[in-house]
Protein backbone atom coordinates (compact mmCIF):
# COMPACT_ATOMS: atom_id res chain seq x y z
CA UNK A 1 0.69 23.94 17.21
CA UNK A 2 -2.93 25.07 16.73
CA UNK A 3 -1.80 27.62 13.90
CA UNK A 4 0.20 25.08 12.14
CA UNK A 5 -2.35 22.20 12.23
CA UNK A 6 -4.93 25.02 10.73
CA UNK A 7 -2.41 25.96 8.03
CA UNK A 8 -1.42 22.60 7.10
CA UNK A 9 -5.54 21.53 7.11
CA UNK A 10 -6.09 24.32 4.64
CA UNK A 11 -3.77 23.57 1.95
CA UNK A 12 -3.94 19.93 2.63
CA UNK A 13 -8.08 19.65 2.16
CA UNK A 14 -8.51 21.61 -1.40
CA UNK A 15 -5.47 19.38 -2.48
CA UNK A 16 -7.55 16.16 -1.46
CA UNK A 17 -10.40 16.97 -2.94
CA UNK A 18 -9.03 18.38 -6.00
CA UNK A 19 -7.25 15.17 -6.13
CA UNK A 20 -10.44 13.21 -5.41
CA UNK A 21 -12.25 15.22 -8.53
CA UNK A 22 -9.33 16.26 -10.73
CA UNK A 23 -7.25 13.53 -11.37
CA UNK A 24 -7.86 10.92 -14.33
CA UNK A 25 -8.34 7.45 -13.03
CA UNK A 26 -5.09 6.42 -13.53
CA UNK A 27 -3.46 9.09 -12.18
CA UNK A 28 -5.64 8.70 -9.16
CA UNK A 29 -4.77 5.06 -8.86
CA UNK A 30 -0.94 5.93 -8.60
CA UNK A 31 -1.63 8.58 -6.00
CA UNK A 32 -3.48 6.69 -3.71
CA UNK A 33 -1.03 3.86 -4.28
CA UNK A 34 1.82 6.45 -2.99
CA UNK A 35 -0.48 7.40 0.34
CA UNK A 36 -0.45 3.87 0.89
CA UNK A 37 2.93 3.17 0.64
CA UNK A 38 3.64 6.27 2.83
CA UNK A 39 1.20 4.68 5.28
CA UNK A 40 3.05 1.15 5.18
CA UNK A 41 6.35 2.86 6.00
CA UNK A 42 4.92 4.38 8.91
CA UNK A 43 3.31 0.97 9.80
CA UNK A 44 6.78 -0.13 9.83
CA UNK A 45 7.39 1.58 13.09
CA UNK A 46 5.12 -0.92 14.93
CA UNK A 47 6.64 -4.35 13.76
CA UNK A 48 9.58 -4.12 15.55
CA UNK A 49 11.68 -4.30 12.38
CA UNK A 50 15.33 -4.20 12.42
CA UNK A 51 15.23 -2.52 9.25
CA UNK A 52 12.29 -0.40 7.84
CA UNK A 53 13.49 -0.46 4.40
CA UNK A 54 13.39 -4.41 5.05
CA UNK A 55 10.05 -4.31 6.61
CA UNK A 56 8.86 -2.32 3.32
CA UNK A 57 9.43 -5.31 1.03
CA UNK A 58 6.36 -7.39 1.84
CA UNK A 59 3.28 -4.56 2.02
CA UNK A 60 4.98 -3.15 -1.14
CA UNK A 61 5.00 -6.79 -3.08
CA UNK A 62 1.23 -7.53 -1.28
CA UNK A 63 0.37 -4.15 -2.93
CA UNK A 64 1.88 -4.75 -6.29
CA UNK A 65 0.70 -8.46 -6.47
CA UNK A 66 -2.94 -7.09 -5.75
CA UNK A 67 -3.03 -4.90 -8.40
CA UNK A 68 -1.70 -7.83 -11.11
CA UNK A 69 -4.55 -10.67 -9.61
CA UNK A 70 -7.20 -7.80 -9.13
CA UNK A 71 -8.62 -5.72 -11.82
CA UNK A 72 -8.21 -2.01 -11.28
CA UNK A 73 -9.81 -0.73 -14.38
CA UNK A 74 -12.80 1.65 -14.21
CA UNK A 75 -15.14 -1.32 -15.83
CA UNK A 76 -14.29 -3.94 -13.77
CA UNK A 77 -14.51 -1.80 -10.67
CA UNK A 78 -17.65 -0.62 -11.46
CA UNK A 79 -19.42 -3.68 -12.23
CA UNK A 80 -17.35 -5.47 -8.78
CA UNK A 81 -15.96 -9.01 -9.16
CA UNK A 82 -15.56 -11.98 -6.68
CA UNK A 83 -12.00 -10.40 -6.09
CA UNK A 84 -13.29 -7.29 -4.78
CA UNK A 85 -16.36 -8.78 -2.98
CA UNK A 86 -13.34 -10.58 -0.90
CA UNK A 87 -11.71 -7.80 -0.37
CA UNK A 88 -14.57 -5.93 1.11
CA UNK A 89 -15.15 -8.75 3.04
CA UNK A 90 -11.79 -9.15 4.29
CA UNK A 91 -11.64 -5.53 5.22
CA UNK A 92 -15.20 -6.20 7.07
CA UNK A 93 -13.97 -8.98 9.11
CA UNK A 94 -10.54 -7.46 10.06
CA UNK A 95 -12.28 -4.28 11.64
CA UNK A 96 -14.53 -6.48 13.74
CA UNK A 97 -11.34 -7.98 15.03
CA UNK A 98 -9.43 -5.35 15.11
CA UNK A 99 -12.11 -3.19 17.21
CA UNK A 100 -12.12 -6.17 19.61
CA UNK A 101 -8.40 -5.90 20.26
CA UNK A 102 -8.92 -2.10 20.86
CA UNK A 103 -11.79 -2.47 23.28
CA UNK A 104 -10.43 -5.27 24.81
CA UNK A 105 -6.96 -3.68 25.58
CA UNK A 106 -4.79 -4.14 27.44
CA UNK A 107 -5.61 -7.74 28.18
CA UNK A 108 -5.73 -8.03 24.11
CA UNK A 109 -2.03 -7.18 23.71
CA UNK A 110 -0.47 -10.22 25.03
CA UNK A 111 -2.27 -11.77 21.76
CA UNK A 112 -0.54 -10.32 19.34
CA UNK A 113 2.00 -7.65 20.64
CA UNK A 114 5.23 -10.50 20.72
CA UNK A 115 4.66 -11.56 17.20
CA UNK A 116 6.27 -9.02 14.28
CA UNK A 117 4.74 -11.33 11.89
CA UNK A 118 1.00 -9.99 13.02
CA UNK A 119 1.63 -6.93 13.37
CA UNK A 120 3.05 -7.20 9.50
CA UNK A 121 -0.21 -8.83 9.01
CA UNK A 122 -1.99 -6.39 11.00
CA UNK A 123 -0.88 -3.48 8.66
CA UNK A 124 -1.60 -5.22 5.76
CA UNK A 125 -5.26 -5.89 6.42
CA UNK A 126 -5.85 -2.13 7.49
CA UNK A 127 -4.09 -0.67 4.26
CA UNK A 128 -4.95 -3.00 1.55
CA UNK A 129 -8.65 -2.78 2.00
CA UNK A 130 -8.39 0.81 2.49
CA UNK A 131 -6.74 1.26 -1.07
CA UNK A 132 -9.28 -0.80 -2.75
CA UNK A 133 -12.35 0.35 -1.03
CA UNK A 134 -11.59 3.78 -2.36
CA UNK A 135 -10.98 2.52 -5.73
CA UNK A 136 -14.36 0.65 -6.06
CA UNK A 137 -16.24 3.82 -4.79
CA UNK A 138 -14.34 6.09 -6.98
CA UNK A 139 -15.35 4.03 -10.26
CA UNK A 140 -19.10 4.05 -9.45
CA UNK A 141 -21.21 5.20 -12.40
CA UNK A 142 -17.83 6.26 -14.03
CA UNK A 143 -18.94 5.99 -17.57
CA UNK A 144 -21.87 7.82 -16.78
CA UNK A 145 -20.70 10.17 -14.74
CA UNK A 146 -17.07 10.36 -14.09
CA UNK A 147 -17.73 12.65 -10.81
CA UNK A 148 -20.24 10.30 -9.39
CA UNK A 149 -17.64 8.00 -7.52
CA UNK A 150 -15.75 11.10 -6.26
CA UNK A 151 -18.47 12.75 -4.67
CA UNK A 152 -19.58 8.93 -2.45
CA UNK A 153 -15.54 9.19 -1.49
CA UNK A 154 -15.96 12.75 -0.59
CA UNK A 155 -19.51 12.08 0.94
CA UNK A 156 -17.58 9.50 3.13
CA UNK A 157 -15.02 12.23 4.50
CA UNK A 158 -17.65 14.08 5.32
CA UNK A 159 -19.24 11.60 7.36
CA UNK A 160 -15.92 11.12 8.95
CA UNK A 161 -14.68 14.85 9.81
CA UNK A 162 -18.51 15.59 10.79
CA UNK A 163 -18.22 12.35 13.73
CA UNK A 164 -14.74 14.11 14.67
CA UNK A 165 -16.08 17.15 15.24
CA UNK A 166 -19.32 16.43 16.85
CA UNK A 167 -18.00 13.84 18.98
CA UNK A 168 -14.94 16.51 20.24
CA UNK A 169 -17.67 19.22 21.32
CA UNK A 170 -20.32 16.60 22.67
CA UNK A 171 -17.73 14.57 24.61
CA UNK A 172 -16.27 18.36 26.33
CA UNK A 173 -19.66 19.16 27.17
CA UNK A 174 -21.62 15.62 28.02
CA UNK A 175 -18.79 13.35 28.22
CA UNK A 176 -18.58 10.94 30.97
CA UNK A 177 -18.78 7.27 30.05
CA UNK A 178 -15.31 6.45 28.86
CA UNK A 179 -15.19 3.84 25.31
CA UNK A 180 -11.67 2.20 26.29
CA UNK A 181 -9.66 4.65 28.69
CA UNK A 182 -6.53 2.42 27.96
CA UNK A 183 -5.95 3.61 24.85
CA UNK A 184 -7.95 7.05 24.64
CA UNK A 185 -8.90 8.10 27.50
CA UNK A 186 -10.59 11.38 25.91
CA UNK A 187 -12.90 9.27 23.95
CA UNK A 188 -16.63 8.80 25.34
CA UNK A 189 -19.95 7.38 24.56
CA UNK A 190 -21.61 10.64 24.66
CA UNK A 191 -19.12 12.17 22.02
CA UNK A 192 -19.47 9.05 19.68
CA UNK A 193 -23.11 9.35 20.14
CA UNK A 194 -22.85 13.10 19.53
CA UNK A 195 -20.54 12.51 16.32
CA UNK A 196 -23.01 9.79 15.13
CA UNK A 197 -26.08 12.46 15.25
CA UNK A 198 -24.29 15.34 13.38
CA UNK A 199 -22.69 12.30 10.83
CA UNK A 200 -26.03 11.28 10.22
CA UNK A 201 -26.81 15.09 9.51
CA UNK A 202 -24.28 15.28 7.34
CA UNK A 203 -24.60 12.47 5.61
CA UNK A 204 -28.36 12.64 4.68
CA UNK A 205 -27.96 16.22 4.12
CA UNK A 206 -24.50 15.74 1.63
CA UNK A 207 -26.42 12.65 -0.28
CA UNK A 208 -29.20 15.06 -0.80
CA UNK A 209 -26.93 17.87 -2.16
CA UNK A 210 -24.76 15.70 -4.46
CA UNK A 211 -27.73 13.47 -5.19
CA UNK A 212 -26.32 10.39 -3.91
CA UNK A 213 -28.79 7.67 -4.00
CA UNK A 214 -29.26 5.15 -1.08
CA UNK A 215 -31.76 2.19 -1.68
CA UNK A 216 -34.25 3.84 1.48
CA UNK A 217 -33.51 6.29 4.05
CA UNK A 218 -33.20 3.96 6.75
CA UNK A 219 -30.26 1.91 5.23
CA UNK A 220 -28.40 5.60 4.85
CA UNK A 221 -29.09 6.16 8.91
CA UNK A 222 -27.82 2.13 8.94
CA UNK A 223 -24.91 2.64 6.94
CA UNK A 224 -23.87 6.11 8.40
CA UNK A 225 -24.14 4.69 12.05
CA UNK A 226 -22.36 1.76 11.46
CA UNK A 227 -19.63 3.67 9.53
CA UNK A 228 -19.05 6.40 12.21
CA UNK A 229 -19.00 3.44 14.84
CA UNK A 230 -16.28 2.16 12.67
CA UNK A 231 -14.46 5.15 12.42
CA UNK A 232 -14.11 6.20 15.58
CA UNK A 233 -12.96 2.31 16.34
CA UNK A 234 -10.21 3.07 13.34
CA UNK A 235 -8.91 5.72 15.66
CA UNK A 236 -8.59 3.64 18.47
CA UNK A 237 -7.06 0.89 16.61
CA UNK A 238 -4.27 3.04 15.63
CA UNK A 239 -3.93 4.46 19.14
CA UNK A 240 -3.32 1.05 20.22
CA UNK A 241 -0.49 0.07 18.25
CA UNK A 242 0.97 3.51 19.11
CA UNK A 243 0.88 2.91 22.78
CA UNK A 244 2.26 -0.47 21.93
CA UNK A 245 5.06 0.55 19.97
CA UNK A 246 5.81 3.99 22.60
CA UNK A 247 5.43 6.52 19.46
CA UNK A 248 3.23 9.50 19.89
CA UNK A 249 2.85 10.14 15.85
CA UNK A 250 3.00 7.69 13.17
CA UNK A 251 5.21 10.26 11.57
CA UNK A 252 5.87 14.16 10.99
CA UNK A 253 4.94 14.53 7.15
CA UNK A 254 2.03 16.82 7.98
CA UNK A 255 3.09 19.84 10.08
CA UNK A 256 0.80 19.73 13.13
CA UNK A 257 -0.79 16.79 12.31
CA UNK A 258 1.76 14.10 12.19
CA UNK A 259 2.02 11.36 9.88
CA UNK A 260 -0.54 9.94 6.98
CA UNK A 261 -1.56 6.92 9.54
CA UNK A 262 -2.44 10.05 11.78
CA UNK A 263 -4.74 11.66 9.29
CA UNK A 264 -6.31 8.55 7.69
CA UNK A 265 -6.53 6.31 10.68
CA UNK A 266 -10.49 7.00 10.91
CA UNK A 267 -10.65 6.38 7.31
CA UNK A 268 -8.80 3.00 6.64
CA UNK A 269 -12.01 1.76 8.91
CA UNK A 270 -14.68 4.01 7.77
CA UNK A 271 -14.18 3.63 3.57
CA UNK A 272 -14.03 -0.37 3.83
CA UNK A 273 -17.00 -0.51 6.03
CA UNK A 274 -18.88 2.19 3.97
CA UNK A 275 -17.82 0.26 1.02
CA UNK A 276 -18.56 -3.07 2.11
CA UNK A 277 -22.43 -1.98 2.89
CA UNK A 278 -23.46 0.23 0.27
CA UNK A 279 -22.07 -1.80 -2.55
CA UNK A 280 -22.45 -5.24 -1.91
CA UNK A 281 -24.64 -5.75 1.32
CA UNK A 282 -27.08 -2.94 1.60
């Protein structure tokens, strides 16, 4: 299993980085939409649908409608309209709510587990802001430097990967205080602290090397810390939905890694939160 995971990661990581940097923006939108739809397909396992194909109708139409209603050309995404701010705001509020549900699990389950409509809605709140936040970050300063936004997206990926790595090793060495044992028994507060410290270091180093500006060093630290916490909680939230649905992996599209949602669960929270803070709040 470990060998399979490593091989898949060695193939997948260069493809992801190449897609972020080399795809023309229109093709980048198409590729990201395809990944988002695969995420929605895997989410249909969480909603107790009689037909997964029928369950795909609403998310597919919602994603398509968002592309009709919200401007997705590079110029509009670079300047950010009220509709873009609205998406970021919704994403931020959703992750506050979702994090509360995960931390208070299993007592929170009775509030939503019996409602298929709510679980559908949760999927939209998870993946639609994820899709749009990547586009907004990718479009930053596109006219002046087409690669600037790509570096921003990559920086968030590095931040999340660093947080995962730091949390794993510090959790194994020092972990004692469980974060949410009913959802994920292996996650600890000590692991979160270790992950946050490494992520801050990687964010600072990555921003320096890639010439990504922050308004101040303190803002960089604040954004990195909040994004790390969001990424960990994003992982917890998907684990909660899988646990309630009685499934181990969201899919098997990635050998050794499970499904798309299993790989992007942290990013679905980290990217909207980072975009909200970096592009608007701070």
